[in-house]
C-alpha atoms as a PDB file:
ATOM      1  CA  MET A   1       0.076  -0.074   0.050  1.00  0.00           C
ATOM      2  CA  THR A   2       1.070   3.608  -1.055  1.00  0.00           C
ATOM      3  CA  ARG A   3       1.726   5.472   2.284  1.00  0.00           C
ATOM      4  CA  LEU A   4       0.601   9.057   2.543  1.00  0.00           C
ATOM      5  CA  ARG A   5       3.280  11.785   2.843  1.00  0.00           C
ATOM      6  CA  GLY A   6       2.317  15.172   4.460  1.00  0.00           C
ATOM      7  CA  GLY A   7       3.758  17.657   6.866  1.00  0.00           C
ATOM      8  CA  ALA A   8       2.680  21.290   8.127  1.00  0.00           C
ATOM      9  CA  GLY A   9       4.422  23.970   6.406  1.00  0.00           C
ATOM     10  CA  SER A  10       3.488  23.066   2.837  1.00  0.00           C
ATOM     11  CA  ALA A  11       2.139  26.562   2.026  1.00  0.00           C
ATOM     12  CA  VAL A  12       1.656  27.427  -1.612  1.00  0.00           C
ATOM     13  CA  MET A  13       1.203  30.572  -3.786  1.00  0.00           C
ATOM     14  CA  THR A  14      -2.318  32.098  -3.872  1.00  0.00           C
ATOM     15  CA  GLY A  15      -4.273  31.381  -6.705  1.00  0.00           C
ATOM     16  CA  VAL A  16      -4.057  35.057  -7.652  1.00  0.00           C
ATOM     17  CA  ALA A  17      -0.527  35.005  -7.363  1.00  0.00           C
ATOM     18  CA  ALA A  18      -0.311  32.035  -9.676  1.00  0.00           C
ATOM     19  CA  CYS A  19      -2.148  33.708 -12.097  1.00  0.00           C
ATOM     20  CA  ALA A  20      -0.373  36.919 -12.147  1.00  0.00           C
ATOM     21  CA  ALA A  21       3.023  34.406 -12.539  1.00  0.00           C
ATOM     22  CA  ILE A  22       1.713  32.523 -15.483  1.00  0.00           C
ATOM     23  CA  THR A  23       3.417  33.706 -18.647  1.00  0.00           C
ATOM     24  CA  LEU A  24       2.785  30.537 -20.621  1.00  0.00           C
ATOM     25  CA  VAL A  25      -0.307  29.173 -19.342  1.00  0.00           C
ATOM     26  CA  ALA A  26      -3.805  30.551 -20.565  1.00  0.00           C
ATOM     27  CA  GLY A  27      -6.146  31.025 -17.348  1.00  0.00           C
ATOM     28  CA  CYS A  28      -6.170  28.976 -14.113  1.00  0.00           C
ATOM     29  CA  GLU A  29      -8.994  27.022 -14.687  1.00  0.00           C
ATOM     30  CA  GLY A  30      -8.845  23.988 -12.054  1.00  0.00           C
ATOM     31  CA  LEU A  31      -6.946  25.790  -9.492  1.00  0.00           C
ATOM     32  CA  ASP A  32      -8.395  25.770  -6.017  1.00  0.00           C
ATOM     33  CA  GLN A  33      -7.778  29.007  -3.854  1.00  0.00           C
ATOM     34  CA  SER A  34      -4.179  27.732  -2.783  1.00  0.00           C
ATOM     35  CA  GLY A  35      -3.189  27.994  -6.752  1.00  0.00           C
ATOM     36  CA  THR A  36      -2.821  24.337  -7.086  1.00  0.00           C
ATOM     37  CA  ALA A  37      -4.944  21.489  -8.200  1.00  0.00           C
ATOM     38  CA  PRO A  38      -6.967  20.044  -5.547  1.00  0.00           C
ATOM     39  CA  GLU A  39      -4.878  17.952  -3.062  1.00  0.00           C
ATOM     40  CA  SER A  40      -4.719  14.116  -3.711  1.00  0.00           C
ATOM     41  CA  GLY A  41      -3.817  12.449  -0.768  1.00  0.00           C
ATOM     42  CA  ALA A  42      -3.174   8.905  -2.254  1.00  0.00           C
ATOM     43  CA  ALA A  43      -2.517   9.584  -5.789  1.00  0.00           C
ATOM     44  CA  ALA A  44      -1.204   6.558  -7.445  1.00  0.00           C
ATOM     45  CA  PRO A  45       2.141   6.283  -9.646  1.00  0.00           C
ATOM     46  CA  ALA A  46       1.588   6.128 -13.328  1.00  0.00           C
ATOM     47  CA  PRO A  47      -0.984   3.535 -13.979  1.00  0.00           C
ATOM     48  CA  ASP A  48       1.246   1.391 -16.459  1.00  0.00           C
ATOM     49  CA  GLY A  49       3.914   1.135 -13.766  1.00  0.00           C
ATOM     50  CA  ARG A  50       6.232   3.334 -15.950  1.00  0.00           C
ATOM     51  CA  SER A  51       7.083   5.909 -13.007  1.00  0.00           C
ATOM     52  CA  VAL A  52      10.292   4.926 -11.148  1.00  0.00           C
ATOM     53  CA  SER A  53      11.438   6.046  -7.722  1.00  0.00           C
ATOM     54  CA  PRO A  54      14.035   8.458  -7.675  1.00  0.00           C
ATOM     55  CA  LEU A  55      16.091   6.014  -5.468  1.00  0.00           C
ATOM     56  CA  LYS A  56      16.455   3.869  -8.745  1.00  0.00           C
ATOM     57  CA  ASN A  57      16.610   6.574 -11.149  1.00  0.00           C
ATOM     58  CA  PRO A  58      19.751   8.517  -9.871  1.00  0.00           C
ATOM     59  CA  ASP A  59      20.669  10.177 -13.344  1.00  0.00           C
ATOM     60  CA  GLY A  60      16.814  11.115 -14.327  1.00  0.00           C
ATOM     61  CA  THR A  61      16.914   9.226 -17.695  1.00  0.00           C
ATOM     62  CA  LYS A  62      13.849   6.843 -16.663  1.00  0.00           C
ATOM     63  CA  PRO A  63      10.398   8.289 -16.538  1.00  0.00           C
ATOM     64  CA  GLY A  64       8.256   9.476 -13.924  1.00  0.00           C
ATOM     65  CA  LEU A  65       8.497  10.060 -10.062  1.00  0.00           C
ATOM     66  CA  ALA A  66       7.067   7.092  -8.233  1.00  0.00           C
ATOM     67  CA  PRO A  67       6.680   7.162  -4.608  1.00  0.00           C
ATOM     68  CA  VAL A  68       9.123   6.034  -2.081  1.00  0.00           C
ATOM     69  CA  THR A  69       7.989   3.026  -0.041  1.00  0.00           C
ATOM     70  CA  GLY A  70       9.015   0.702   2.608  1.00  0.00           C
ATOM     71  CA  ALA A  71      11.108   1.573   5.667  1.00  0.00           C
ATOM     72  CA  THR A  72      14.491   0.814   4.057  1.00  0.00           C
ATOM     73  CA  ASP A  73      13.922   3.168   1.176  1.00  0.00           C
ATOM     74  CA  ASP A  74      12.529   5.701   3.603  1.00  0.00           C
ATOM     75  CA  ALA A  75      15.930   5.252   5.738  1.00  0.00           C
ATOM     76  CA  THR A  76      18.042   5.633   2.353  1.00  0.00           C
ATOM     77  CA  ALA A  77      15.888   8.611   1.673  1.00  0.00           C
ATOM     78  CA  ARG A  78      16.819  10.223   4.945  1.00  0.00           C
ATOM     79  CA  LYS A  79      20.075   9.617   4.683  1.00  0.00           C
ATOM     80  CA  LEU A  80      20.411  11.065   1.417  1.00  0.00           C
ATOM     81  CA  ILE A  81      18.781  14.420   2.409  1.00  0.00           C
ATOM     82  CA  GLU A  82      20.776  14.461   5.723  1.00  0.00           C
ATOM     83  CA  SER A  83      23.854  14.927   3.762  1.00  0.00           C
ATOM     84  CA  LEU A  84      22.651  18.285   2.270  1.00  0.00           C
ATOM     85  CA  ARG A  85      24.613  21.236   3.399  1.00  0.00           C
ATOM     86  CA  THR A  86      22.408  24.380   4.631  1.00  0.00           C
ATOM     87  CA  LYS A  87      22.708  28.063   4.522  1.00  0.00           C
ATOM     88  CA  GLY A  88      20.407  31.152   4.198  1.00  0.00           C
ATOM     89  CA  ARG A  89      19.009  32.097   0.747  1.00  0.00           C
ATOM     90  CA  GLY A  90      20.893  34.809  -0.808  1.00  0.00           C
ATOM     91  CA  PRO A  91      19.728  37.765  -2.598  1.00  0.00           C
ATOM     92  CA  LYS A  92      18.027  37.600  -6.182  1.00  0.00           C
ATOM     93  CA  THR A  93      20.063  40.332  -7.580  1.00  0.00           C
ATOM     94  CA  GLY A  94      21.377  39.863 -10.944  1.00  0.00           C
ATOM     95  CA  TYR A  95      19.020  36.792 -11.701  1.00  0.00           C
ATOM     96  CA  ASP A  96      17.787  36.299 -15.362  1.00  0.00           C
ATOM     97  CA  ARG A  97      16.597  33.085 -16.857  1.00  0.00           C
ATOM     98  CA  ASP A  98      18.854  33.913 -19.709  1.00  0.00           C
ATOM     99  CA  GLU A  99      21.947  33.629 -17.237  1.00  0.00           C
ATOM    100  CA  PHE A 100      21.249  29.749 -17.747  1.00  0.00           C
ATOM    101  CA  GLY A 101      21.104  29.698 -21.370  1.00  0.00           C
ATOM    102  CA  TYR A 102      17.973  29.942 -23.907  1.00  0.00           C
ATOM    103  CA  ALA A 103      15.257  27.575 -23.001  1.00  0.00           C
ATOM    104  CA  TRP A 104      15.615  24.048 -23.674  1.00  0.00           C
ATOM    105  CA  MET A 105      18.868  23.962 -25.606  1.00  0.00           C
ATOM    106  CA  ASP A 106      20.158  20.923 -26.814  1.00  0.00           C
ATOM    107  CA  THR A 107      23.840  21.832 -26.751  1.00  0.00           C
ATOM    108  CA  ALA A 108      24.370  21.787 -22.703  1.00  0.00           C
ATOM    109  CA  ASP A 109      27.292  19.591 -22.841  1.00  0.00           C
ATOM    110  CA  GLY A 110      27.491  17.166 -19.798  1.00  0.00           C
ATOM    111  CA  VAL A 111      24.125  15.883 -19.306  1.00  0.00           C
ATOM    112  CA  PRO A 112      22.171  13.114 -20.418  1.00  0.00           C
ATOM    113  CA  LEU A 113      20.561  13.630 -24.081  1.00  0.00           C
ATOM    114  CA  ALA A 114      22.268  16.615 -24.867  1.00  0.00           C
ATOM    115  CA  ARG A 115      23.260  16.973 -28.699  1.00  0.00           C
ATOM    116  CA  ASN A 116      21.003  14.183 -29.615  1.00  0.00           C
ATOM    117  CA  GLY A 117      19.327  16.516 -32.226  1.00  0.00           C
ATOM    118  CA  CYS A 118      15.985  17.130 -30.011  1.00  0.00           C
ATOM    119  CA  ASP A 119      15.644  19.931 -27.677  1.00  0.00           C
ATOM    120  CA  THR A 120      15.358  19.349 -23.899  1.00  0.00           C
ATOM    121  CA  ARG A 121      11.633  19.855 -23.662  1.00  0.00           C
ATOM    122  CA  ASN A 122      10.768  17.292 -26.462  1.00  0.00           C
ATOM    123  CA  ASP A 123      13.127  14.852 -24.789  1.00  0.00           C
ATOM    124  CA  LEU A 124      11.233  15.141 -21.618  1.00  0.00           C
ATOM    125  CA  LEU A 125       7.975  14.663 -23.227  1.00  0.00           C
ATOM    126  CA  LYS A 126       9.316  11.492 -24.979  1.00  0.00           C
ATOM    127  CA  ARG A 127      10.825  10.200 -21.636  1.00  0.00           C
ATOM    128  CA  ASP A 128       7.753  10.486 -19.595  1.00  0.00           C
ATOM    129  CA  GLY A 129       4.742  10.519 -22.199  1.00  0.00           C
ATOM    130  CA  GLN A 130       2.906   7.692 -23.784  1.00  0.00           C
ATOM    131  CA  ASN A 131       0.789   7.145 -26.753  1.00  0.00           C
ATOM    132  CA  LEU A 132       3.240   9.634 -28.382  1.00  0.00           C
ATOM    133  CA  ARG A 133       2.485  11.060 -31.772  1.00  0.00           C
ATOM    134  CA  PHE A 134       5.198  13.193 -33.683  1.00  0.00           C
ATOM    135  CA  ARG A 135       5.153  16.044 -36.062  1.00  0.00           C
ATOM    136  CA  THR A 136       4.995  14.705 -39.854  1.00  0.00           C
ATOM    137  CA  GLY A 137       8.619  14.123 -40.824  1.00  0.00           C
ATOM    138  CA  SER A 138       9.790  14.240 -37.268  1.00  0.00           C
ATOM    139  CA  ASP A 139      10.951  11.848 -34.493  1.00  0.00           C
ATOM    140  CA  CYS A 140      11.588  14.544 -32.123  1.00  0.00           C
ATOM    141  CA  VAL A 141       8.613  17.220 -31.792  1.00  0.00           C
ATOM    142  CA  VAL A 142       5.766  15.645 -29.965  1.00  0.00           C
ATOM    143  CA  VAL A 143       2.287  16.935 -30.896  1.00  0.00           C
ATOM    144  CA  THR A 144      -0.019  14.614 -28.872  1.00  0.00           C
ATOM    145  CA  MET A 145       0.640  12.306 -25.917  1.00  0.00           C
ATOM    146  CA  LYS A 146      -0.652  11.006 -22.439  1.00  0.00           C
ATOM    147  CA  LEU A 147       0.992  12.151 -19.455  1.00  0.00           C
ATOM    148  CA  HIS A 148       0.565  11.212 -15.962  1.00  0.00           C
ATOM    149  CA  ASP A 149       1.366  14.192 -13.910  1.00  0.00           C
ATOM    150  CA  PRO A 150       3.128  12.989 -10.525  1.00  0.00           C
ATOM    151  CA  TYR A 151       2.534  16.198  -8.726  1.00  0.00           C
ATOM    152  CA  THR A 152      -1.297  15.929  -8.752  1.00  0.00           C
ATOM    153  CA  GLY A 153      -2.003  12.459  -9.927  1.00  0.00           C
ATOM    154  CA  LYS A 154      -3.795  13.561 -12.926  1.00  0.00           C
ATOM    155  CA  ASP A 155      -3.721  11.785 -16.567  1.00  0.00           C
ATOM    156  CA  ILE A 156      -3.457  14.620 -18.982  1.00  0.00           C
ATOM    157  CA  ALA A 157      -4.288  13.925 -22.922  1.00  0.00           C
ATOM    158  CA  TRP A 158      -2.028  16.596 -24.153  1.00  0.00           C
ATOM    159  CA  LYS A 159      -1.945  18.397 -27.531  1.00  0.00           C
ATOM    160  CA  LYS A 160       0.802  20.859 -28.791  1.00  0.00           C
ATOM    161  CA  ALA A 161      -2.033  23.223 -29.845  1.00  0.00           C
ATOM    162  CA  LYS A 162      -2.555  23.835 -25.895  1.00  0.00           C
ATOM    163  CA  ALA A 163       1.219  23.562 -25.279  1.00  0.00           C
ATOM    164  CA  ALA A 164       1.104  25.072 -21.927  1.00  0.00           C
ATOM    165  CA  GLU A 165      -1.168  22.702 -20.227  1.00  0.00           C
ATOM    166  CA  VAL A 166       2.053  20.737 -19.765  1.00  0.00           C
ATOM    167  CA  GLN A 167       5.304  22.578 -18.429  1.00  0.00           C
ATOM    168  CA  ILE A 168       8.786  21.393 -17.680  1.00  0.00           C
ATOM    169  CA  ASP A 169       9.349  21.885 -13.889  1.00  0.00           C
ATOM    170  CA  HIS A 170      12.858  22.606 -12.774  1.00  0.00           C
ATOM    171  CA  VAL A 171      12.753  20.586  -9.520  1.00  0.00           C
ATOM    172  CA  VAL A 172      15.462  22.955  -8.114  1.00  0.00           C
ATOM    173  CA  PRO A 173      14.139  26.140  -9.516  1.00  0.00           C
ATOM    174  CA  LEU A 174      16.765  28.365 -11.286  1.00  0.00           C
ATOM    175  CA  SER A 175      16.028  31.271  -9.300  1.00  0.00           C
ATOM    176  CA  TYR A 176      16.638  29.135  -6.084  1.00  0.00           C
ATOM    177  CA  ALA A 177      19.646  27.927  -7.226  1.00  0.00           C
ATOM    178  CA  TRP A 178      20.911  31.354  -8.303  1.00  0.00           C
ATOM    179  CA  GLN A 179      20.173  32.642  -4.660  1.00  0.00           C
ATOM    180  CA  MET A 180      22.124  29.301  -3.245  1.00  0.00           C
ATOM    181  CA  GLY A 181      25.095  29.751  -5.297  1.00  0.00           C
ATOM    182  CA  ALA A 182      24.540  29.539  -9.060  1.00  0.00           C
ATOM    183  CA  ALA A 183      25.052  33.209  -9.188  1.00  0.00           C
ATOM    184  CA  ARG A 184      28.849  32.354  -8.900  1.00  0.00           C
ATOM    185  CA  TRP A 185      29.013  29.514 -11.389  1.00  0.00           C
ATOM    186  CA  ASP A 186      30.379  29.643 -14.829  1.00  0.00           C
ATOM    187  CA  ARG A 187      27.653  29.655 -17.519  1.00  0.00           C
ATOM    188  CA  GLN A 188      28.306  26.288 -18.748  1.00  0.00           C
ATOM    189  CA  LYS A 189      27.442  24.887 -15.366  1.00  0.00           C
ATOM    190  CA  ARG A 190      24.129  26.745 -15.136  1.00  0.00           C
ATOM    191  CA  GLN A 191      23.263  25.506 -18.358  1.00  0.00           C
ATOM    192  CA  ARG A 192      23.848  22.025 -17.405  1.00  0.00           C
ATOM    193  CA  LEU A 193      21.511  22.262 -14.293  1.00  0.00           C
ATOM    194  CA  ALA A 194      18.854  23.967 -16.698  1.00  0.00           C
ATOM    195  CA  ASN A 195      18.860  21.172 -18.992  1.00  0.00           C
ATOM    196  CA  ASP A 196      19.658  18.048 -16.958  1.00  0.00           C
ATOM    197  CA  VAL A 197      16.911  15.533 -17.033  1.00  0.00           C
ATOM    198  CA  LEU A 198      17.684  14.780 -13.316  1.00  0.00           C
ATOM    199  CA  ASN A 199      16.118  18.217 -12.476  1.00  0.00           C
ATOM    200  CA  LEU A 200      13.432  18.161 -14.882  1.00  0.00           C
ATOM    201  CA  LEU A 201       9.770  16.837 -14.995  1.00  0.00           C
ATOM    202  CA  PRO A 202       6.802  17.383 -17.347  1.00  0.00           C
ATOM    203  CA  VAL A 203       3.688  18.315 -14.996  1.00  0.00           C
ATOM    204  CA  TRP A 204       0.519  19.861 -15.077  1.00  0.00           C
ATOM    205  CA  GLY A 205       1.334  23.601 -15.958  1.00  0.00           C
ATOM    206  CA  PRO A 206      -0.841  25.533 -13.312  1.00  0.00           C
ATOM    207  CA  THR A 207       0.723  23.658 -10.712  1.00  0.00           C
ATOM    208  CA  ASN A 208       4.140  24.134 -11.835  1.00  0.00           C
ATOM    209  CA  SER A 209       3.321  27.969 -12.249  1.00  0.00           C
ATOM    210  CA  ALA A 210       2.114  28.101  -8.645  1.00  0.00           C
ATOM    211  CA  LYS A 211       5.381  26.601  -7.294  1.00  0.00           C
ATOM    212  CA  ARG A 212       7.556  29.677  -8.916  1.00  0.00           C
ATOM    213  CA  ASP A 213      10.885  29.342  -7.301  1.00  0.00           C
ATOM    214  CA  SER A 214       9.778  27.862  -3.985  1.00  0.00           C
ATOM    215  CA  GLY A 215      11.801  25.537  -1.976  1.00  0.00           C
ATOM    216  CA  PRO A 216      10.076  22.507  -0.326  1.00  0.00           C
ATOM    217  CA  ALA A 217       9.271  24.411   2.907  1.00  0.00           C
ATOM    218  CA  SER A 218       6.928  26.670   1.087  1.00  0.00           C
ATOM    219  CA  TRP A 219       5.739  24.447  -1.866  1.00  0.00           C
ATOM    220  CA  LEU A 220       5.362  20.745  -1.975  1.00  0.00           C
ATOM    221  CA  PRO A 221       3.467  18.666  -4.699  1.00  0.00           C
ATOM    222  CA  PRO A 222      -0.475  18.427  -3.886  1.00  0.00           C
ATOM    223  CA  SER A 223      -0.203  14.880  -3.790  1.00  0.00           C
ATOM    224  CA  LYS A 224       0.899  13.638  -0.662  1.00  0.00           C
ATOM    225  CA  ALA A 225       1.984  10.248  -1.920  1.00  0.00           C
ATOM    226  CA  ILE A 226       4.787  11.787  -3.828  1.00  0.00           C
ATOM    227  CA  ARG A 227       6.092  14.008  -1.230  1.00  0.00           C
ATOM    228  CA  CYS A 228       9.032  11.929  -0.268  1.00  0.00           C
ATOM    229  CA  SER A 229      10.007  11.179  -3.712  1.00  0.00           C
ATOM    230  CA  TYR A 230       9.956  14.899  -4.554  1.00  0.00           C
ATOM    231  CA  SER A 231      12.390  15.740  -1.571  1.00  0.00           C
ATOM    232  CA  VAL A 232      14.795  13.162  -2.645  1.00  0.00           C
ATOM    233  CA  ARG A 233      14.891  14.348  -6.235  1.00  0.00           C
ATOM    234  CA  PHE A 234      15.412  17.747  -5.031  1.00  0.00           C
ATOM    235  CA  ALA A 235      18.001  16.566  -2.912  1.00  0.00           C
ATOM    236  CA  GLN A 236      19.860  14.519  -5.691  1.00  0.00           C
ATOM    237  CA  VAL A 237      19.865  17.664  -7.668  1.00  0.00           C
ATOM    238  CA  ALA A 238      21.243  19.700  -5.012  1.00  0.00           C
ATOM    239  CA  LEU A 239      23.983  17.347  -4.164  1.00  0.00           C
ATOM    240  CA  LYS A 240      24.898  16.675  -7.799  1.00  0.00           C
ATOM    241  CA  TYR A 241      25.478  20.587  -8.279  1.00  0.00           C
ATOM    242  CA  GLU A 242      26.900  21.063  -4.687  1.00  0.00           C
ATOM    243  CA  LEU A 243      24.271  23.374  -3.854  1.00  0.00           C
ATOM    244  CA  SER A 244      23.243  24.081  -0.325  1.00  0.00           C
ATOM    245  CA  VAL A 245      19.639  24.305   0.723  1.00  0.00           C
ATOM    246  CA  THR A 246      18.005  26.318   3.711  1.00  0.00           C
ATOM    247  CA  ALA A 247      17.776  24.713   6.945  1.00  0.00           C
ATOM    248  CA  ALA A 248      13.674  25.167   6.734  1.00  0.00           C
ATOM    249  CA  ASP A 249      13.765  23.174   3.375  1.00  0.00           C
ATOM    250  CA  LYS A 250      16.195  20.558   4.728  1.00  0.00           C
ATOM    251  CA  ASP A 251      13.934  19.887   7.687  1.00  0.00           C
ATOM    252  CA  MET A 252      10.685  19.994   5.778  1.00  0.00           C
ATOM    253  CA  MET A 253      12.148  17.343   3.135  1.00  0.00           C
ATOM    254  CA  LEU A 254      13.177  15.038   6.187  1.00  0.00           C
ATOM    255  CA  GLN A 255       9.683  15.241   7.595  1.00  0.00           C
ATOM    256  CA  GLN A 256       8.027  14.030   4.254  1.00  0.00           C
ATOM    257  CA  CYS A 257      10.417  10.762   4.263  1.00  0.00           C
ATOM    258  CA  GLY A 258       9.484   9.855   8.149  1.00  0.00           C
ATOM    259  CA  ALA A 259      11.769  11.938  10.068  1.00  0.00           C
END
């Protein structure tokens, strides 16, 4: 049985703020007053079993985000999170999305799927989507698919004509990374973080927009079942890129995995 993940403090942006933040999504239909989809306490993994626990997917090349289950995996998750360094969040001064390269570039060397002739967004749609259909003459550009959104448990019948219904979430937001040390990185390392499949999940657009640049102390996926997995993935990215997290974020992540 999938166990529920919860914890106080998982506040989210308000629906009004979410709408104001949305630049790629038309409208906020389906949001509740918290700015997210209605919470699903027992959302299941992808129905065909394609989603994979982050503990069994350390490079992010396998699809989805399955729940972490069982005492042994809980302990492994907590050990991983406990190894994170903490510090205060720095200023956002100088942050711009372009500091991490243009969106979904295929030329960010040093990450999986780079320079394969397909941009990062379509790589992620192909990794996580099912029943894929491609643009005529292309084996890259996805035009329709079915996606299981791990954050809400929704199954989304997606069409490129309504592209923003699915957005690619940076698990560790780029602005968060900037404030936690990426401002001092060279451009190539920032491009890797922005295009590393370990840090990227296709999810329901309004939920992603509501998250903005929050850490786990102020935003967690609506599905409680996936919150430990999300915390593990956040920790995996932070450790790979030698990023600190805030003490509040680390405490919240540990809570999601049974601490």
